[in-house]
Amino acid sequence: MVKMPPKPWPTGNVEQPEPLVRRILAPNPSPYTYTGTQTYLVGNAGEIAVIDPGPDDDDHVDAIVQAIGDDALVAIMCTHTHRDHSPAARPLARRTGAPIVGCAPLVIRTDLPRSDESFDADYAPDRVLEDGEAMTGTGWTLRAIHTPGHTSNHLCFALEETGALFSGDHVMGWSTSVVVPPDGDMGDYMASLEKLYARDDRVYYSAHGAPIERPRQLVRGMIGHRRQRENQILRLLGEAPRAVGEFIPEMYKGLDPRLTGAAEMSVTAHLLDLEGRGRVVDDSGIWRIA
């Protein structure tokens, strides 16, 4: 289980990890968001982009506006539409007149319970970036990289001038990403990890946790971790058919009870992926080897 860093956390403060990048921590810590969502400001020559404005919290929006100062906000960019990432786009757009740019809106066609942050149903972008499209400002270029898996509409943004990648929730600096079906898809998630592994980005700035200084090494480890989970599932099913909940005590030793639902969703995502590849079969909620 990941331990939270000691307080005080830098909520509302502006930090600058490199000349073109600043970040502000939102006041929304939780077992799913770590110390909170990190909003990034890109640019320092009169034109600014905001990445993942975060939850609709007045103090957080005030902190973003104060950090922008006299610069022009030319884009409010969202990696995906979980409620800890995109809702502040609306009040920020009202206060600045900037367009909302980035991922596509997401329509959830299910009433299944979810264990992660719920989706922002009111997200309405002015411009959707397709894979490979870019948003530009004075001295910076942010190119969209479609990385579905955590959500079907997830984007990362590559800052071409410095080799930094804003990885949203796809690759985080404190934990692996939660993949929650039916919108989350483990096969897509793995393919997106392979896509990032093929790149040569210098550093990842995720929405939660510290900067990732060796990104390809971390991504390789994440791919290996997911393959290990898959092998665990197949080994356990080789012993006996099981319901989803029966995998958790074997696979997640010492799990925070608050994360049991997330673990069950992750196992479900693996099982659905294995089912799609013809490896396992679901018999009315009891899974077995095909």
Protein backbone atom coordinates (compact mmCIF):
# COMPACT_ATOMS: atom_id res chain seq x y z
CA MET A 1 0.00 0.00 0.00
CA VAL A 2 1.38 3.41 -0.98
CA LYS A 3 1.95 5.76 1.95
CA MET A 4 0.96 9.41 1.71
CA PRO A 5 3.86 11.87 2.07
CA PRO A 6 3.95 13.92 5.25
CA LYS A 7 2.03 17.19 5.37
CA PRO A 8 2.03 20.05 4.67
CA TRP A 9 1.32 19.47 0.99
CA PRO A 10 1.85 22.43 -1.36
CA THR A 11 -1.89 22.87 -2.07
CA GLY A 12 -2.55 26.11 -3.97
CA ASN A 13 1.14 26.99 -4.28
CA VAL A 14 2.87 27.51 -7.62
CA GLU A 15 5.87 25.24 -8.18
CA GLN A 16 8.12 25.37 -11.25
CA PRO A 17 9.81 22.08 -12.19
CA GLU A 18 11.27 23.57 -15.40
CA PRO A 19 11.21 26.96 -17.18
CA LEU A 20 8.16 26.29 -19.36
CA VAL A 21 6.18 24.36 -16.73
CA ARG A 22 4.45 25.32 -13.49
CA ARG A 23 2.10 23.23 -11.38
CA ILE A 24 -0.57 23.82 -8.73
CA LEU A 25 -1.91 21.09 -6.44
CA ALA A 26 -5.69 20.97 -6.02
CA PRO A 27 -7.21 20.39 -2.55
CA ASN A 28 -8.74 16.99 -3.36
CA PRO A 29 -6.63 14.23 -1.73
CA SER A 30 -8.13 10.72 -1.63
CA PRO A 31 -7.13 7.06 -1.99
CA TYR A 32 -7.59 7.53 -5.75
CA THR A 33 -5.98 10.97 -6.22
CA TYR A 34 -3.03 10.71 -3.76
CA THR A 35 -2.31 14.23 -2.45
CA GLY A 36 -4.62 15.73 -5.09
CA THR A 37 -4.81 16.57 -8.77
CA GLN A 38 -1.90 18.53 -10.22
CA THR A 39 -2.82 21.29 -12.66
CA TYR A 40 -0.05 22.35 -15.02
CA LEU A 41 0.57 25.72 -16.67
CA VAL A 42 2.70 25.65 -19.82
CA GLY A 43 4.35 28.77 -21.26
CA ASN A 44 6.07 31.88 -19.97
CA ALA A 45 6.13 34.35 -22.85
CA GLY A 46 2.66 35.87 -22.75
CA GLU A 47 0.60 32.85 -23.85
CA ILE A 48 -0.29 30.09 -21.42
CA ALA A 49 -2.01 26.69 -21.61
CA VAL A 50 -3.55 25.02 -18.56
CA ILE A 51 -3.53 21.21 -18.46
CA ASP A 52 -6.06 19.36 -16.28
CA PRO A 53 -7.67 22.30 -14.46
CA GLY A 54 -8.98 19.86 -11.85
CA PRO A 55 -12.09 19.82 -9.67
CA ASP A 56 -14.56 22.71 -9.58
CA ASP A 57 -13.14 24.24 -6.42
CA ASP A 58 -13.20 28.03 -6.00
CA ASP A 59 -9.86 28.23 -4.19
CA HIS A 60 -8.15 26.10 -6.82
CA VAL A 61 -9.57 28.12 -9.72
CA ASP A 62 -8.49 31.32 -7.93
CA ALA A 63 -4.96 29.93 -7.61
CA ILE A 64 -4.85 29.12 -11.34
CA VAL A 65 -6.09 32.60 -12.33
CA GLN A 66 -3.57 34.23 -10.00
CA ALA A 67 -0.75 32.17 -11.52
CA ILE A 68 -1.81 33.17 -15.05
CA GLY A 69 -1.60 36.83 -14.06
CA ASP A 70 -1.37 39.18 -17.03
CA ASP A 71 -0.58 36.42 -19.52
CA ALA A 72 -3.19 35.26 -22.03
CA LEU A 73 -4.73 31.87 -21.38
CA VAL A 74 -5.09 30.44 -24.88
CA ALA A 75 -6.21 26.88 -24.07
CA ILE A 76 -7.69 24.89 -21.19
CA MET A 77 -6.58 21.33 -21.98
CA CYS A 78 -8.04 18.17 -20.44
CA THR A 79 -6.44 14.72 -20.60
CA HIS A 80 -9.76 13.01 -19.76
CA THR A 81 -13.06 13.63 -18.07
CA HIS A 82 -12.93 12.15 -14.60
CA ARG A 83 -14.32 14.63 -12.10
CA ASP A 84 -10.94 15.32 -10.53
CA HIS A 85 -9.60 16.56 -13.90
CA SER A 86 -12.02 18.52 -16.07
CA PRO A 87 -14.84 20.27 -14.10
CA ALA A 88 -12.78 23.39 -13.32
CA ALA A 89 -12.50 23.97 -17.07
CA ARG A 90 -15.93 25.61 -17.06
CA PRO A 91 -15.40 28.29 -14.37
CA LEU A 92 -11.89 28.90 -15.70
CA ALA A 93 -13.28 29.42 -19.21
CA ARG A 94 -15.92 31.82 -17.89
CA ARG A 95 -13.32 33.89 -16.05
CA THR A 96 -10.73 34.00 -18.83
CA GLY A 97 -12.61 33.50 -22.11
CA ALA A 98 -10.19 30.71 -23.06
CA PRO A 99 -11.40 27.73 -25.13
CA ILE A 100 -11.58 24.21 -23.72
CA VAL A 101 -9.37 21.98 -25.86
CA GLY A 102 -8.27 18.36 -25.67
CA CYS A 103 -10.06 15.07 -25.11
CA ALA A 104 -13.46 14.25 -26.52
CA PRO A 105 -16.55 14.21 -24.30
CA LEU A 106 -17.50 10.81 -22.98
CA VAL A 107 -20.97 9.28 -22.89
CA ILE A 108 -21.31 6.45 -20.39
CA ARG A 109 -24.01 4.04 -21.47
CA THR A 110 -24.22 2.06 -18.24
CA ASP A 111 -25.43 2.35 -14.68
CA LEU A 112 -22.89 -0.10 -13.30
CA PRO A 113 -21.26 1.01 -10.02
CA ARG A 114 -17.78 2.52 -10.30
CA SER A 115 -14.97 2.56 -7.79
CA ASP A 116 -12.91 5.40 -9.27
CA GLU A 117 -13.73 9.08 -9.70
CA SER A 118 -17.01 9.52 -11.56
CA PHE A 119 -17.16 11.10 -15.00
CA ASP A 120 -17.78 14.76 -15.77
CA ALA A 121 -21.03 14.60 -17.74
CA ASP A 122 -21.04 18.37 -18.37
CA TYR A 123 -17.67 18.53 -20.12
CA ALA A 124 -18.10 20.31 -23.48
CA PRO A 125 -14.89 21.08 -25.36
CA ASP A 126 -14.62 23.83 -27.94
CA ARG A 127 -12.05 21.76 -29.85
CA VAL A 128 -11.25 18.06 -29.73
CA LEU A 129 -7.66 17.10 -30.48
CA GLU A 130 -7.18 13.97 -32.54
CA ASP A 131 -4.11 11.78 -32.14
CA GLY A 132 -1.10 13.77 -33.39
CA GLU A 133 -2.82 17.17 -33.48
CA ALA A 134 -1.16 20.08 -31.70
CA MET A 135 -2.04 23.18 -29.71
CA THR A 136 0.55 25.94 -29.97
CA GLY A 137 1.43 29.18 -28.21
CA THR A 138 4.41 31.49 -27.99
CA GLY A 139 7.41 29.23 -27.38
CA TRP A 140 5.53 25.97 -26.90
CA THR A 141 3.83 23.13 -28.77
CA LEU A 142 1.62 20.55 -27.07
CA ARG A 143 0.92 17.50 -29.24
CA ALA A 144 -1.92 15.12 -28.37
CA ILE A 145 -1.19 11.41 -27.98
CA HIS A 146 -4.28 9.20 -27.81
CA THR A 147 -3.77 6.79 -24.91
CA PRO A 148 -7.06 4.97 -24.22
CA GLY A 149 -7.32 2.41 -21.45
CA HIS A 150 -7.84 4.23 -18.16
CA THR A 151 -10.68 5.89 -20.06
CA SER A 152 -11.55 5.59 -23.72
CA ASN A 153 -11.00 9.33 -24.29
CA HIS A 154 -7.65 9.71 -22.51
CA LEU A 155 -4.97 11.89 -24.08
CA CYS A 156 -1.40 12.65 -23.10
CA PHE A 157 0.24 15.91 -24.20
CA ALA A 158 3.85 16.06 -25.37
CA LEU A 159 5.70 19.37 -24.91
CA GLU A 160 7.90 19.21 -27.97
CA GLU A 161 10.32 21.97 -26.99
CA THR A 162 11.55 20.20 -23.83
CA GLY A 163 10.75 16.51 -24.22
CA ALA A 164 8.26 16.53 -21.35
CA LEU A 165 5.04 14.51 -21.48
CA PHE A 166 1.93 15.32 -19.46
CA SER A 167 0.69 11.80 -18.80
CA GLY A 168 -2.59 12.50 -16.97
CA ASP A 169 -3.73 9.31 -15.25
CA HIS A 170 -2.33 6.93 -17.86
CA VAL A 171 1.09 6.84 -16.16
CA MET A 172 1.24 8.29 -12.65
CA GLY A 173 4.05 9.09 -10.26
CA TRP A 174 2.60 7.20 -7.27
CA SER A 175 0.52 4.22 -8.42
CA THR A 176 -0.63 2.23 -11.40
CA SER A 177 -3.75 3.50 -13.15
CA VAL A 178 -7.17 2.07 -12.34
CA VAL A 179 -8.84 0.46 -15.37
CA VAL A 180 -12.59 0.27 -14.81
CA PRO A 181 -14.82 -1.49 -17.36
CA PRO A 182 -16.90 -0.93 -19.36
CA ASP A 183 -15.24 2.32 -20.47
CA GLY A 184 -11.80 1.35 -19.20
CA ASP A 185 -10.23 -1.37 -21.33
CA MET A 186 -7.17 -3.41 -20.34
CA GLY A 187 -6.23 -4.31 -23.91
CA ASP A 188 -6.30 -0.63 -24.90
CA TYR A 189 -4.37 0.29 -21.76
CA MET A 190 -1.57 -2.15 -22.55
CA ALA A 191 -1.41 -0.99 -26.17
CA SER A 192 -1.16 2.62 -24.97
CA LEU A 193 1.69 1.71 -22.61
CA GLU A 194 3.52 0.09 -25.54
CA LYS A 195 2.88 3.27 -27.56
CA LEU A 196 4.52 5.43 -24.89
CA TYR A 197 7.38 2.96 -24.42
CA ALA A 198 8.27 3.42 -28.09
CA ARG A 199 8.77 7.16 -27.50
CA ASP A 200 11.81 8.92 -26.04
CA ASP A 201 10.23 11.50 -23.75
CA ARG A 202 12.62 12.94 -21.16
CA VAL A 203 10.25 13.26 -18.20
CA TYR A 204 6.58 12.62 -17.42
CA TYR A 205 4.47 15.06 -15.43
CA SER A 206 1.48 13.07 -14.22
CA ALA A 207 -1.71 14.38 -12.65
CA HIS A 208 -0.85 12.67 -9.36
CA GLY A 209 2.55 12.18 -7.77
CA ALA A 210 6.14 13.21 -8.40
CA PRO A 211 7.71 13.80 -11.83
CA ILE A 212 8.83 10.59 -13.51
CA GLU A 213 12.49 11.05 -14.39
CA ARG A 214 13.03 7.65 -16.04
CA PRO A 215 9.75 7.23 -17.92
CA ARG A 216 10.65 4.35 -20.22
CA GLN A 217 11.97 2.35 -17.27
CA LEU A 218 8.72 2.93 -15.36
CA VAL A 219 6.54 2.09 -18.37
CA ARG A 220 8.48 -1.13 -18.94
CA GLY A 221 7.88 -2.02 -15.30
CA MET A 222 4.17 -1.23 -15.61
CA ILE A 223 3.84 -3.50 -18.64
CA GLY A 224 5.61 -6.25 -16.71
CA HIS A 225 3.38 -5.68 -13.67
CA ARG A 226 0.19 -6.06 -15.72
CA ARG A 227 1.49 -9.19 -17.40
CA GLN A 228 2.31 -10.58 -13.96
CA ARG A 229 -1.27 -9.86 -12.83
CA GLU A 230 -2.58 -11.65 -15.91
CA ASN A 231 -0.40 -14.66 -15.16
CA GLN A 232 -1.62 -14.65 -11.54
CA ILE A 233 -5.22 -14.78 -12.75
CA LEU A 234 -4.52 -17.65 -15.12
CA ARG A 235 -2.64 -19.56 -12.39
CA LEU A 236 -5.48 -19.13 -9.91
CA LEU A 237 -8.05 -20.19 -12.49
CA GLY A 238 -5.89 -23.21 -13.21
CA GLU A 239 -6.45 -24.23 -9.59
CA ALA A 240 -10.22 -23.67 -9.60
CA PRO A 241 -12.96 -21.52 -11.16
CA ARG A 242 -13.51 -18.31 -9.19
CA ALA A 243 -15.72 -15.26 -8.80
CA VAL A 244 -13.99 -11.88 -9.09
CA GLY A 245 -13.96 -11.24 -5.36
CA GLU A 246 -12.09 -14.50 -4.70
CA PHE A 247 -9.02 -13.25 -6.56
CA ILE A 248 -8.45 -10.25 -4.29
CA PRO A 249 -7.07 -11.89 -1.10
CA GLU A 250 -4.58 -13.88 -3.21
CA MET A 251 -3.47 -11.06 -5.52
CA TYR A 252 -3.54 -7.95 -3.30
CA LYS A 253 -1.88 -8.67 0.03
CA GLY A 254 -2.30 -5.88 2.58
CA LEU A 255 -4.72 -3.93 0.41
CA ASP A 256 -6.33 -0.81 1.88
CA PRO A 257 -9.99 -1.92 2.30
CA ARG A 258 -11.08 1.34 0.65
CA LEU A 259 -9.45 0.10 -2.56
CA THR A 260 -11.14 -3.30 -2.72
CA GLY A 261 -13.62 -2.08 -5.33
CA ALA A 262 -10.82 -0.73 -7.50
CA ALA A 263 -8.94 -4.03 -7.24
CA GLU A 264 -12.05 -5.96 -8.26
CA MET A 265 -12.52 -3.68 -11.26
CA SER A 266 -8.89 -4.17 -12.27
CA VAL A 267 -9.25 -7.95 -12.09
CA THR A 268 -12.48 -7.69 -14.07
CA ALA A 269 -10.67 -5.65 -16.73
CA HIS A 270 -8.01 -8.36 -17.01
CA LEU A 271 -10.65 -11.10 -17.19
CA LEU A 272 -12.59 -9.31 -19.94
CA ASP A 273 -9.37 -8.87 -21.91
CA LEU A 274 -8.52 -12.55 -21.47
CA GLU A 275 -12.07 -13.49 -22.46
CA GLY A 276 -11.74 -11.41 -25.62
CA ARG A 277 -8.59 -13.37 -26.47
CA GLY A 278 -10.30 -16.70 -25.86
CA ARG A 279 -8.29 -17.59 -22.74
CA VAL A 280 -11.08 -17.60 -20.13
CA VAL A 281 -14.87 -18.03 -19.98
CA ASP A 282 -17.47 -16.37 -17.75
CA ASP A 283 -20.14 -18.82 -16.50
CA SER A 284 -22.69 -16.55 -14.79
CA GLY A 285 -20.08 -14.69 -12.76
CA ILE A 286 -17.80 -17.67 -12.18
CA TRP A 287 -14.66 -17.48 -14.30
CA ARG A 288 -12.78 -20.52 -15.60
CA ILE A 289 -10.10 -21.42 -18.09
CA ALA A 290 -11.48 -21.71 -21.63
